[in-house]
């Protein structure tokens, strides 16, 4: 499919890959979780040329997930994820890529004057929609990257800028000149722009998306949310929790140990309660009488009476 779009051409090769079947007839990767048949997969190989920027591009995606972009200046693929690096050096189709790129430019040069003013320019699916999110979980003071995802793009061109607290921020990241364009089914494109930054609690970032010929821009704001604590704060909180745990354990052990005996001959009696009068002894022998002269009391006499 090679539609022309007001000074641009796009060639897309969509390859439908049916799911393989195992030797027993079941689809490869079959499970009993509801997958009762093979799945179809789509590999998109999309090459475009236009009079805007970028003037030439090639992207490959599998089921909507970006795999590779092509660097025409270096003549090699660039993997979108480190896992795909072993396949980025594939060069057997380099002649086909060069042929398609030259054909696209020839068609652009020949057909644009013929179609200008006769065929309305296709401006795509409407206003671009932008969304900003961090590449990694947030930790204050630790370097990270913001991602601005832009949908509803056609033709594949967009100027993406960054702002921090209302002022222009340094755009892009190391080794990347502009947004990465990823083809979608239906000749639409999605753009990804990145910004290296170090998160702070009071940050306010904005992704500003503009297109040539548009009188307005799309702005998406981002503020830190669900910030993970820093390593120092984590250590302090862990120390406090450990101290509280030790204190709680000490209090629990103290409550479980029974109290020691107080030496009270009648520990069961409450404090201040008089003892049984029968347990009191009276010793009223006169101190003036020598102990040796004491005689046994008469029968029936009560000592001290």
Foldseek 3Di string as FASTA:
>chain_A
DWDAFQFKIKDKDKDKDWFDADPVGHTVVDDPPPPRHIDIKIKIWMWMAGPDPPRIWTWIDINQHTAWIADPVVQWIDGPDPVNVVVRHDCPCSVVVVVVRVVRVVCSVPCNVVCVPPDDGDQFDDAKDKDKDWPDAAEAQDKTKIKIKIWGGPPPDKAKFKDKPRHGDDFADPPDDGWDWHADPPRIIMTITMDIDGDDQAIKMKIWIDDPPDPDIDIDIDHDDPHDYHPVVVVVVVVVVVVVVVVVVVVVVVVVDDDDDPPDPCVVDDPPDDDDVVVDDDDDDDPVDDPVPDDDDDPPDDPPD
